[in-house]
Amino acid sequence: MNSKDLLTELATRPLLCDGAMGTQLIAAGLAPGDCGMLWCVEKPDAVEAVHRRYRDAGCDLITTNSFGGCTTNLERHSLTGHADELNRAAAQAARRAVGDNAWVLADIGPFGGFLEPLGEMTAAELFKLFVQQAAALKAGGADAALIETMTDPGEAAVAVKAAKQAADWPVIATYAFDRGDGTNYRTMMGTTIEVAMKEAIAAGADVVGANCGTAMNLEDYARLAEQMVRAAGKTPVIIQPNAGAPQNVGGKDIYPATPAEMAALVPTLLNAGVRIIGGCCGTSPDHLRAMGETLRKQS
């Protein structure tokens, strides 16, 4: 699809983004802790199968398997020097899976550290790394960039600017918020919704919002959405909730929300003014199918 058409389409109707990738790959045999991006070159059929299931579930936006594709993250898996290859392969896998039947989002997650003065990474150094990742994803066929799960508005701004430098395409930026007292949502770095939205928009983000989060239940995402739409002003908002707050069962985190429960959240998000709805941790193609059916009935 033409990346320019994404924002045009978004102005006419709400869109459905996909859900979790990592848990789907683990279900297909990926060992927890292993580098899921390697499957883009070693087992591309498995990655493409996940993308196709989400597209078959009705998702308009399909996210590349490249969340940890910054060089700093790949170094932890002894994959220094493979960033271009893996990110390009991630975008190619998504494009092969969905063809022109969905927009492919170039997934760019946090670099895994802290910017100066809390860490040793400078903004200029990180900018180059994010440009490298975004450019490789664009070369692989991605239509737009998704900067996600950010907690530091400084890092988010660097990532947005880098994505804009790498290509002429729409850029979406989302943060992960903590529940706190259930009313005053902040990121791990203490950033408020207002500051998070302001910094991302000032950096050039075309769409802003939230994904994931800590101890967030479905009611929290409803309240978060209302506050976020107010803070974003005229900028479209995306919300990608987890399947409820995780519960530890037998040493494993289980996300309890059913597809029906996730679908029941959709009208509330739409009424709040959210324009893109998707899923994050614990969600599956079944969740997104149910959410998409409700979205289409409501819009």
C-alpha atoms as a PDB file:
ATOM      1  CA  MET A   1       0.000   0.000   0.000  1.00  0.00           C
ATOM      2  CA  ASN A   2       1.052   3.600  -0.539  1.00  0.00           C
ATOM      3  CA  SER A   3       2.219   4.995   2.803  1.00  0.00           C
ATOM      4  CA  LYS A   4       0.701   8.357   1.930  1.00  0.00           C
ATOM      5  CA  ASP A   5      -2.736   6.716   1.787  1.00  0.00           C
ATOM      6  CA  LEU A   6      -2.506   5.583   5.425  1.00  0.00           C
ATOM      7  CA  LEU A   7      -3.181   9.009   6.935  1.00  0.00           C
ATOM      8  CA  THR A   8      -5.794   9.733   4.286  1.00  0.00           C
ATOM      9  CA  GLU A   9      -7.622   6.508   5.124  1.00  0.00           C
ATOM     10  CA  LEU A  10      -7.284   7.180   8.855  1.00  0.00           C
ATOM     11  CA  ALA A  11      -9.120  10.464   8.377  1.00  0.00           C
ATOM     12  CA  THR A  12     -12.102   8.585   6.942  1.00  0.00           C
ATOM     13  CA  ARG A  13     -12.378   5.579   9.287  1.00  0.00           C
ATOM     14  CA  PRO A  14     -10.774   4.010  12.381  1.00  0.00           C
ATOM     15  CA  LEU A  15      -8.168   1.337  11.646  1.00  0.00           C
ATOM     16  CA  LEU A  16      -7.324  -1.997  13.275  1.00  0.00           C
ATOM     17  CA  CYS A  17      -3.704  -2.749  14.130  1.00  0.00           C
ATOM     18  CA  ASP A  18      -2.416  -6.237  14.951  1.00  0.00           C
ATOM     19  CA  GLY A  19      -1.426  -7.765  18.292  1.00  0.00           C
ATOM     20  CA  ALA A  20       1.426  -9.574  20.010  1.00  0.00           C
ATOM     21  CA  MET A  21       4.170 -11.241  17.970  1.00  0.00           C
ATOM     22  CA  GLY A  22       6.545 -12.698  20.571  1.00  0.00           C
ATOM     23  CA  THR A  23       4.032 -14.983  22.262  1.00  0.00           C
ATOM     24  CA  GLN A  24       2.881 -16.230  18.868  1.00  0.00           C
ATOM     25  CA  LEU A  25       6.451 -17.183  17.953  1.00  0.00           C
ATOM     26  CA  ILE A  26       6.980 -18.851  21.333  1.00  0.00           C
ATOM     27  CA  ALA A  27       3.855 -20.918  20.660  1.00  0.00           C
ATOM     28  CA  ALA A  28       5.468 -21.892  17.350  1.00  0.00           C
ATOM     29  CA  GLY A  29       8.636 -23.089  19.088  1.00  0.00           C
ATOM     30  CA  LEU A  30      10.815 -20.045  19.800  1.00  0.00           C
ATOM     31  CA  ALA A  31      12.645 -20.533  23.096  1.00  0.00           C
ATOM     32  CA  PRO A  32      11.947 -17.725  25.595  1.00  0.00           C
ATOM     33  CA  GLY A  33      14.931 -15.374  25.673  1.00  0.00           C
ATOM     34  CA  ASP A  34      16.102 -16.257  22.170  1.00  0.00           C
ATOM     35  CA  CYS A  35      16.225 -13.574  19.487  1.00  0.00           C
ATOM     36  CA  GLY A  36      12.891 -13.698  17.680  1.00  0.00           C
ATOM     37  CA  MET A  37      14.223 -11.518  14.880  1.00  0.00           C
ATOM     38  CA  LEU A  38      16.511 -14.337  13.775  1.00  0.00           C
ATOM     39  CA  TRP A  39      13.425 -16.201  12.638  1.00  0.00           C
ATOM     40  CA  CYS A  40      12.975 -13.544   9.941  1.00  0.00           C
ATOM     41  CA  VAL A  41      15.933 -15.170   8.161  1.00  0.00           C
ATOM     42  CA  GLU A  42      16.045 -18.661   9.702  1.00  0.00           C
ATOM     43  CA  LYS A  43      12.314 -19.475   9.816  1.00  0.00           C
ATOM     44  CA  PRO A  44      10.589 -16.776   7.761  1.00  0.00           C
ATOM     45  CA  ASP A  45       7.608 -19.040   7.062  1.00  0.00           C
ATOM     46  CA  ALA A  46       6.743 -19.059  10.778  1.00  0.00           C
ATOM     47  CA  VAL A  47       6.937 -15.264  10.997  1.00  0.00           C
ATOM     48  CA  GLU A  48       4.877 -14.837   7.846  1.00  0.00           C
ATOM     49  CA  ALA A  49       2.259 -17.233   9.203  1.00  0.00           C
ATOM     50  CA  VAL A  50       1.722 -14.973  12.230  1.00  0.00           C
ATOM     51  CA  HIS A  51       1.383 -11.917   9.997  1.00  0.00           C
ATOM     52  CA  ARG A  52      -1.130 -13.726   7.792  1.00  0.00           C
ATOM     53  CA  ARG A  53      -3.228 -14.803  10.774  1.00  0.00           C
ATOM     54  CA  TYR A  54      -3.513 -11.199  11.883  1.00  0.00           C
ATOM     55  CA  ARG A  55      -4.350 -10.042   8.382  1.00  0.00           C
ATOM     56  CA  ASP A  56      -6.948 -12.819   8.061  1.00  0.00           C
ATOM     57  CA  ALA A  57      -8.384 -11.593  11.370  1.00  0.00           C
ATOM     58  CA  GLY A  58      -9.088  -8.260   9.683  1.00  0.00           C
ATOM     59  CA  CYS A  59      -6.113  -6.144  10.728  1.00  0.00           C
ATOM     60  CA  ASP A  60      -5.395  -3.114   8.542  1.00  0.00           C
ATOM     61  CA  LEU A  61      -1.921  -2.582  10.000  1.00  0.00           C
ATOM     62  CA  ILE A  62       0.679  -5.354  10.305  1.00  0.00           C
ATOM     63  CA  THR A  63       3.747  -4.785  12.483  1.00  0.00           C
ATOM     64  CA  THR A  64       7.182  -6.100  11.502  1.00  0.00           C
ATOM     65  CA  ASN A  65       8.987  -8.573  13.768  1.00  0.00           C
ATOM     66  CA  SER A  66      11.696  -6.024  14.603  1.00  0.00           C
ATOM     67  CA  PHE A  67      10.896  -4.645  18.066  1.00  0.00           C
ATOM     68  CA  GLY A  68      14.442  -5.398  19.275  1.00  0.00           C
ATOM     69  CA  GLY A  69      16.111  -4.471  15.990  1.00  0.00           C
ATOM     70  CA  CYS A  70      18.294  -1.628  17.227  1.00  0.00           C
ATOM     71  CA  THR A  71      21.983  -2.564  17.069  1.00  0.00           C
ATOM     72  CA  THR A  72      22.311  -2.197  20.852  1.00  0.00           C
ATOM     73  CA  ASN A  73      19.688  -4.897  21.389  1.00  0.00           C
ATOM     74  CA  LEU A  74      21.099  -7.220  18.743  1.00  0.00           C
ATOM     75  CA  GLU A  75      24.534  -7.015  20.355  1.00  0.00           C
ATOM     76  CA  ARG A  76      23.090  -8.821  23.377  1.00  0.00           C
ATOM     77  CA  HIS A  77      22.465 -11.794  21.104  1.00  0.00           C
ATOM     78  CA  SER A  78      25.957 -11.615  19.539  1.00  0.00           C
ATOM     79  CA  LEU A  79      24.430 -10.258  16.327  1.00  0.00           C
ATOM     80  CA  THR A  80      26.583  -7.179  15.978  1.00  0.00           C
ATOM     81  CA  GLY A  81      26.712  -6.140  12.337  1.00  0.00           C
ATOM     82  CA  HIS A  82      23.452  -7.857  11.360  1.00  0.00           C
ATOM     83  CA  ALA A  83      21.037  -4.977  11.970  1.00  0.00           C
ATOM     84  CA  ASP A  84      20.549  -4.101   8.303  1.00  0.00           C
ATOM     85  CA  GLU A  85      20.012  -7.714   7.249  1.00  0.00           C
ATOM     86  CA  LEU A  86      17.580  -8.579  10.028  1.00  0.00           C
ATOM     87  CA  ASN A  87      15.497  -5.419   9.825  1.00  0.00           C
ATOM     88  CA  ARG A  88      15.233  -5.645   6.059  1.00  0.00           C
ATOM     89  CA  ALA A  89      14.227  -9.309   6.371  1.00  0.00           C
ATOM     90  CA  ALA A  90      11.586  -8.430   8.973  1.00  0.00           C
ATOM     91  CA  ALA A  91       9.923  -5.947   6.637  1.00  0.00           C
ATOM     92  CA  GLN A  92      10.185  -8.317   3.694  1.00  0.00           C
ATOM     93  CA  ALA A  93       8.507 -11.098   5.682  1.00  0.00           C
ATOM     94  CA  ALA A  94       5.578  -8.861   6.584  1.00  0.00           C
ATOM     95  CA  ARG A  95       5.230  -7.605   3.023  1.00  0.00           C
ATOM     96  CA  ARG A  96       5.306 -11.132   1.579  1.00  0.00           C
ATOM     97  CA  ALA A  97       2.671 -12.231   4.060  1.00  0.00           C
ATOM     98  CA  VAL A  98       0.134  -9.479   3.398  1.00  0.00           C
ATOM     99  CA  GLY A  99       1.030  -8.171  -0.048  1.00  0.00           C
ATOM    100  CA  ASP A 100      -0.900  -4.980  -0.712  1.00  0.00           C
ATOM    101  CA  ASN A 101      -3.782  -6.006   1.544  1.00  0.00           C
ATOM    102  CA  ALA A 102      -2.493  -4.165   4.638  1.00  0.00           C
ATOM    103  CA  TRP A 103      -0.080  -1.441   5.645  1.00  0.00           C
ATOM    104  CA  VAL A 104       3.221  -2.715   7.023  1.00  0.00           C
ATOM    105  CA  LEU A 105       4.463  -0.858  10.107  1.00  0.00           C
ATOM    106  CA  ALA A 106       8.225  -0.755  10.722  1.00  0.00           C
ATOM    107  CA  ASP A 107       8.413  -1.682  14.408  1.00  0.00           C
ATOM    108  CA  ILE A 108      11.104   0.203  16.360  1.00  0.00           C
ATOM    109  CA  GLY A 109      11.320  -0.402  20.109  1.00  0.00           C
ATOM    110  CA  PRO A 110      13.544   1.142  22.805  1.00  0.00           C
ATOM    111  CA  PHE A 111      17.294   0.738  22.466  1.00  0.00           C
ATOM    112  CA  GLY A 112      17.500  -0.947  25.864  1.00  0.00           C
ATOM    113  CA  GLY A 113      19.399   1.659  27.861  1.00  0.00           C
ATOM    114  CA  PHE A 114      19.305   5.258  29.031  1.00  0.00           C
ATOM    115  CA  LEU A 115      20.364   8.450  27.342  1.00  0.00           C
ATOM    116  CA  GLU A 116      22.849  10.767  29.011  1.00  0.00           C
ATOM    117  CA  PRO A 117      23.067  11.771  31.819  1.00  0.00           C
ATOM    118  CA  LEU A 118      21.451   8.608  33.244  1.00  0.00           C
ATOM    119  CA  GLY A 119      23.317   6.440  30.733  1.00  0.00           C
ATOM    120  CA  GLU A 120      26.261   6.652  28.371  1.00  0.00           C
ATOM    121  CA  MET A 121      24.368   6.904  25.066  1.00  0.00           C
ATOM    122  CA  THR A 122      24.208  10.366  23.509  1.00  0.00           C
ATOM    123  CA  ALA A 123      21.193  11.541  21.545  1.00  0.00           C
ATOM    124  CA  ALA A 124      23.379  11.954  18.449  1.00  0.00           C
ATOM    125  CA  GLU A 125      24.662   8.377  18.690  1.00  0.00           C
ATOM    126  CA  LEU A 126      21.180   6.977  19.191  1.00  0.00           C
ATOM    127  CA  PHE A 127      19.833   9.032  16.301  1.00  0.00           C
ATOM    128  CA  LYS A 128      22.264   7.296  13.936  1.00  0.00           C
ATOM    129  CA  LEU A 129      21.272   3.845  15.217  1.00  0.00           C
ATOM    130  CA  PHE A 130      17.563   4.530  14.793  1.00  0.00           C
ATOM    131  CA  VAL A 131      18.113   5.985  11.306  1.00  0.00           C
ATOM    132  CA  GLN A 132      19.954   2.780  10.395  1.00  0.00           C
ATOM    133  CA  GLN A 133      17.113   0.584  11.647  1.00  0.00           C
ATOM    134  CA  ALA A 134      14.356   2.659  10.062  1.00  0.00           C
ATOM    135  CA  ALA A 135      16.144   2.847   6.711  1.00  0.00           C
ATOM    136  CA  ALA A 136      16.584  -0.938   6.596  1.00  0.00           C
ATOM    137  CA  LEU A 137      12.916  -1.485   7.413  1.00  0.00           C
ATOM    138  CA  LYS A 138      11.890   0.970   4.723  1.00  0.00           C
ATOM    139  CA  ALA A 139      14.178  -0.782   2.228  1.00  0.00           C
ATOM    140  CA  GLY A 140      12.411  -4.041   3.076  1.00  0.00           C
ATOM    141  CA  GLY A 141       9.046  -2.614   2.101  1.00  0.00           C
ATOM    142  CA  ALA A 142       7.504  -1.029   5.209  1.00  0.00           C
ATOM    143  CA  ASP A 143       4.883   1.687   4.667  1.00  0.00           C
ATOM    144  CA  ALA A 144       5.139   3.598   7.950  1.00  0.00           C
ATOM    145  CA  ALA A 145       7.124   3.578  11.185  1.00  0.00           C
ATOM    146  CA  LEU A 146       5.835   2.505  14.604  1.00  0.00           C
ATOM    147  CA  ILE A 147       7.969   3.808  17.479  1.00  0.00           C
ATOM    148  CA  GLU A 148       6.583   1.851  20.431  1.00  0.00           C
ATOM    149  CA  THR A 149       6.804   1.084  24.147  1.00  0.00           C
ATOM    150  CA  MET A 150       8.735   4.265  24.888  1.00  0.00           C
ATOM    151  CA  THR A 151       9.118   5.520  28.464  1.00  0.00           C
ATOM    152  CA  ASP A 152      11.558   8.416  27.989  1.00  0.00           C
ATOM    153  CA  PRO A 153      10.189  11.310  25.906  1.00  0.00           C
ATOM    154  CA  GLY A 154      13.759  12.161  24.947  1.00  0.00           C
ATOM    155  CA  GLU A 155      14.309   8.737  23.407  1.00  0.00           C
ATOM    156  CA  ALA A 156      10.896   8.862  21.744  1.00  0.00           C
ATOM    157  CA  ALA A 157      11.726  12.221  20.165  1.00  0.00           C
ATOM    158  CA  VAL A 158      15.063  10.933  18.878  1.00  0.00           C
ATOM    159  CA  ALA A 159      13.374   7.866  17.380  1.00  0.00           C
ATOM    160  CA  VAL A 160      10.638   9.910  15.688  1.00  0.00           C
ATOM    161  CA  LYS A 161      13.145  12.344  14.199  1.00  0.00           C
ATOM    162  CA  ALA A 162      15.334   9.453  13.033  1.00  0.00           C
ATOM    163  CA  ALA A 163      12.401   7.722  11.351  1.00  0.00           C
ATOM    164  CA  LYS A 164      11.486  10.974   9.603  1.00  0.00           C
ATOM    165  CA  GLN A 165      15.090  11.360   8.473  1.00  0.00           C
ATOM    166  CA  ALA A 166      15.210   7.803   7.127  1.00  0.00           C
ATOM    167  CA  ALA A 167      12.130   8.051   4.903  1.00  0.00           C
ATOM    168  CA  ASP A 168       9.193  10.161   3.810  1.00  0.00           C
ATOM    169  CA  TRP A 169       6.490   8.167   5.555  1.00  0.00           C
ATOM    170  CA  PRO A 170       4.011   8.445   8.438  1.00  0.00           C
ATOM    171  CA  VAL A 171       5.439   7.943  11.919  1.00  0.00           C
ATOM    172  CA  ILE A 172       3.424   6.611  14.862  1.00  0.00           C
ATOM    173  CA  ALA A 173       4.797   6.983  18.413  1.00  0.00           C
ATOM    174  CA  THR A 174       3.472   5.147  21.472  1.00  0.00           C
ATOM    175  CA  TYR A 175       4.458   5.058  25.136  1.00  0.00           C
ATOM    176  CA  ALA A 176       4.038   2.442  27.851  1.00  0.00           C
ATOM    177  CA  PHE A 177       2.322   3.854  30.935  1.00  0.00           C
ATOM    178  CA  ASP A 178       2.174   2.525  34.489  1.00  0.00           C
ATOM    179  CA  ARG A 179      -1.131   2.239  36.305  1.00  0.00           C
ATOM    180  CA  GLY A 180      -0.076   4.129  39.427  1.00  0.00           C
ATOM    181  CA  ASP A 181      -3.212   5.030  41.377  1.00  0.00           C
ATOM    182  CA  GLY A 182      -5.444   4.390  38.382  1.00  0.00           C
ATOM    183  CA  THR A 183      -5.923   8.052  37.516  1.00  0.00           C
ATOM    184  CA  ASN A 184      -2.516   9.686  37.092  1.00  0.00           C
ATOM    185  CA  TYR A 185      -0.788   7.559  34.474  1.00  0.00           C
ATOM    186  CA  ARG A 186       2.953   8.022  34.004  1.00  0.00           C
ATOM    187  CA  THR A 187       5.727   6.169  32.216  1.00  0.00           C
ATOM    188  CA  MET A 188       8.498   4.352  34.073  1.00  0.00           C
ATOM    189  CA  MET A 189      10.522   7.576  33.784  1.00  0.00           C
ATOM    190  CA  GLY A 190       7.778   9.567  35.493  1.00  0.00           C
ATOM    191  CA  THR A 191       6.568  11.226  32.294  1.00  0.00           C
ATOM    192  CA  THR A 192       2.957  12.440  32.259  1.00  0.00           C
ATOM    193  CA  ILE A 193       0.565  11.888  29.376  1.00  0.00           C
ATOM    194  CA  GLU A 194       0.658  15.579  28.510  1.00  0.00           C
ATOM    195  CA  VAL A 195       4.451  15.754  28.292  1.00  0.00           C
ATOM    196  CA  ALA A 196       4.695  12.455  26.413  1.00  0.00           C
ATOM    197  CA  MET A 197       2.225  13.577  23.752  1.00  0.00           C
ATOM    198  CA  LYS A 198       3.725  17.063  23.466  1.00  0.00           C
ATOM    199  CA  GLU A 199       7.275  15.791  22.915  1.00  0.00           C
ATOM    200  CA  ALA A 200       6.304  13.151  20.345  1.00  0.00           C
ATOM    201  CA  ILE A 201       4.149  15.573  18.368  1.00  0.00           C
ATOM    202  CA  ALA A 202       6.826  18.271  18.470  1.00  0.00           C
ATOM    203  CA  ALA A 203       9.329  15.739  17.088  1.00  0.00           C
ATOM    204  CA  GLY A 204       7.054  15.118  14.108  1.00  0.00           C
ATOM    205  CA  ALA A 205       4.854  12.138  15.027  1.00  0.00           C
ATOM    206  CA  ASP A 206       1.758  11.860  12.831  1.00  0.00           C
ATOM    207  CA  VAL A 207      -0.072   9.577  15.282  1.00  0.00           C
ATOM    208  CA  VAL A 208       0.536   9.241  19.033  1.00  0.00           C
ATOM    209  CA  GLY A 209      -0.703   6.941  21.748  1.00  0.00           C
ATOM    210  CA  ALA A 210      -0.021   4.080  24.121  1.00  0.00           C
ATOM    211  CA  ASN A 211       0.722   0.377  24.072  1.00  0.00           C
ATOM    212  CA  CYS A 212       1.546  -2.206  26.719  1.00  0.00           C
ATOM    213  CA  GLY A 213       1.922  -0.760  30.240  1.00  0.00           C
ATOM    214  CA  THR A 214       2.405  -2.046  33.781  1.00  0.00           C
ATOM    215  CA  ALA A 215      -0.517  -3.542  35.751  1.00  0.00           C
ATOM    216  CA  MET A 216      -2.997  -1.931  33.360  1.00  0.00           C
ATOM    217  CA  ASN A 217      -6.478  -3.454  33.269  1.00  0.00           C
ATOM    218  CA  LEU A 218      -9.028  -2.754  30.558  1.00  0.00           C
ATOM    219  CA  GLU A 219     -10.706   0.010  32.568  1.00  0.00           C
ATOM    220  CA  ASP A 220      -7.337   1.747  32.834  1.00  0.00           C
ATOM    221  CA  TYR A 221      -6.961   1.809  29.062  1.00  0.00           C
ATOM    222  CA  ALA A 222     -10.403   3.401  28.784  1.00  0.00           C
ATOM    223  CA  ARG A 223      -9.421   6.197  31.176  1.00  0.00           C
ATOM    224  CA  LEU A 224      -6.000   6.523  29.567  1.00  0.00           C
ATOM    225  CA  ALA A 225      -7.591   6.907  26.140  1.00  0.00           C
ATOM    226  CA  GLU A 226      -9.776   9.811  27.258  1.00  0.00           C
ATOM    227  CA  GLN A 227      -6.808  11.656  28.762  1.00  0.00           C
ATOM    228  CA  MET A 228      -4.611  10.920  25.782  1.00  0.00           C
ATOM    229  CA  VAL A 229      -7.094  12.182  23.193  1.00  0.00           C
ATOM    230  CA  ARG A 230      -7.402  15.449  25.127  1.00  0.00           C
ATOM    231  CA  ALA A 231      -3.620  15.810  25.362  1.00  0.00           C
ATOM    232  CA  ALA A 232      -3.036  14.973  21.684  1.00  0.00           C
ATOM    233  CA  GLY A 233      -5.335  17.685  20.372  1.00  0.00           C
ATOM    234  CA  LYS A 234      -5.796  17.305  16.612  1.00  0.00           C
ATOM    235  CA  THR A 235      -3.219  14.492  16.320  1.00  0.00           C
ATOM    236  CA  PRO A 236      -4.809  11.029  15.855  1.00  0.00           C
ATOM    237  CA  VAL A 237      -4.471   8.602  18.771  1.00  0.00           C
ATOM    238  CA  ILE A 238      -3.657   4.877  18.788  1.00  0.00           C
ATOM    239  CA  ILE A 239      -4.294   2.546  21.750  1.00  0.00           C
ATOM    240  CA  GLN A 240      -2.923  -1.025  21.896  1.00  0.00           C
ATOM    241  CA  PRO A 241      -3.917  -2.583  25.236  1.00  0.00           C
ATOM    242  CA  ASN A 242      -2.557  -5.721  26.805  1.00  0.00           C
ATOM    243  CA  ALA A 243      -5.121  -8.469  27.341  1.00  0.00           C
ATOM    244  CA  GLY A 244      -5.697  -7.181  30.855  1.00  0.00           C
ATOM    245  CA  ALA A 245      -3.305  -6.987  33.795  1.00  0.00           C
ATOM    246  CA  PRO A 246      -1.091 -10.098  33.902  1.00  0.00           C
ATOM    247  CA  GLN A 247      -1.564 -12.720  36.602  1.00  0.00           C
ATOM    248  CA  ASN A 248       1.242 -15.019  37.692  1.00  0.00           C
ATOM    249  CA  VAL A 249       0.073 -18.602  37.379  1.00  0.00           C
ATOM    250  CA  GLY A 250       2.586 -21.378  37.959  1.00  0.00           C
ATOM    251  CA  GLY A 251       5.478 -18.995  37.429  1.00  0.00           C
ATOM    252  CA  LYS A 252       4.104 -17.685  34.134  1.00  0.00           C
ATOM    253  CA  ASP A 253       2.415 -14.386  33.374  1.00  0.00           C
ATOM    254  CA  ILE A 254      -1.088 -15.027  32.064  1.00  0.00           C
ATOM    255  CA  TYR A 255      -3.104 -12.238  30.463  1.00  0.00           C
ATOM    256  CA  PRO A 256      -6.719 -12.938  31.430  1.00  0.00           C
ATOM    257  CA  ALA A 257      -8.866 -10.838  29.078  1.00  0.00           C
ATOM    258  CA  THR A 258     -10.843 -12.892  26.578  1.00  0.00           C
ATOM    259  CA  PRO A 259     -11.501 -11.864  22.973  1.00  0.00           C
ATOM    260  CA  ALA A 260     -15.053 -10.906  23.978  1.00  0.00           C
ATOM    261  CA  GLU A 261     -13.788  -8.723  26.824  1.00  0.00           C
ATOM    262  CA  MET A 262     -11.295  -6.989  24.555  1.00  0.00           C
ATOM    263  CA  ALA A 263     -14.017  -6.444  21.970  1.00  0.00           C
ATOM    264  CA  ALA A 264     -16.240  -4.862  24.633  1.00  0.00           C
ATOM    265  CA  LEU A 265     -13.558  -2.200  25.175  1.00  0.00           C
ATOM    266  CA  VAL A 266     -13.632  -1.091  21.535  1.00  0.00           C
ATOM    267  CA  PRO A 267     -16.787   1.103  21.653  1.00  0.00           C
ATOM    268  CA  THR A 268     -15.392   2.951  24.674  1.00  0.00           C
ATOM    269  CA  LEU A 269     -12.118   3.647  22.888  1.00  0.00           C
ATOM    270  CA  LEU A 270     -13.911   4.800  19.748  1.00  0.00           C
ATOM    271  CA  ASN A 271     -16.230   7.062  21.739  1.00  0.00           C
ATOM    272  CA  ALA A 272     -13.175   8.602  23.391  1.00  0.00           C
ATOM    273  CA  GLY A 273     -11.865   9.530  19.950  1.00  0.00           C
ATOM    274  CA  VAL A 274      -9.234   6.824  19.386  1.00  0.00           C
ATOM    275  CA  ARG A 275      -8.511   6.311  15.663  1.00  0.00           C
ATOM    276  CA  ILE A 276      -6.331   3.163  15.674  1.00  0.00           C
ATOM    277  CA  ILE A 277      -7.025   0.203  17.959  1.00  0.00           C
ATOM    278  CA  GLY A 278      -4.788  -2.840  18.307  1.00  0.00           C
ATOM    279  CA  GLY A 279      -3.404  -5.191  20.920  1.00  0.00           C
ATOM    280  CA  CYS A 280      -0.194  -5.796  22.818  1.00  0.00           C
ATOM    281  CA  CYS A 281       0.937  -8.441  25.325  1.00  0.00           C
ATOM    282  CA  GLY A 282      -1.322 -11.450  25.630  1.00  0.00           C
ATOM    283  CA  THR A 283      -3.377 -10.683  22.537  1.00  0.00           C
ATOM    284  CA  SER A 284      -3.792 -13.064  19.624  1.00  0.00           C
ATOM    285  CA  PRO A 285      -5.458 -13.142  16.208  1.00  0.00           C
ATOM    286  CA  ASP A 286      -8.626 -14.304  17.988  1.00  0.00           C
ATOM    287  CA  HIS A 287      -8.612 -11.159  20.142  1.00  0.00           C
ATOM    288  CA  LEU A 288      -8.054  -8.925  17.137  1.00  0.00           C
ATOM    289  CA  ARG A 289     -10.754 -10.652  15.104  1.00  0.00           C
ATOM    290  CA  ALA A 290     -13.314  -9.992  17.829  1.00  0.00           C
ATOM    291  CA  MET A 291     -12.118  -6.408  18.248  1.00  0.00           C
ATOM    292  CA  GLY A 292     -12.238  -5.833  14.505  1.00  0.00           C
ATOM    293  CA  GLU A 293     -15.785  -7.140  14.210  1.00  0.00           C
ATOM    294  CA  THR A 294     -16.905  -4.695  16.888  1.00  0.00           C
ATOM    295  CA  LEU A 295     -14.918  -1.845  15.365  1.00  0.00           C
ATOM    296  CA  ARG A 296     -16.556  -2.312  11.989  1.00  0.00           C
ATOM    297  CA  LYS A 297     -20.043  -2.431  13.535  1.00  0.00           C
ATOM    298  CA  GLN A 298     -19.371   0.789  15.425  1.00  0.00           C
ATOM    299  CA  SER A 299     -17.813   2.784  12.593  1.00  0.00           C
END
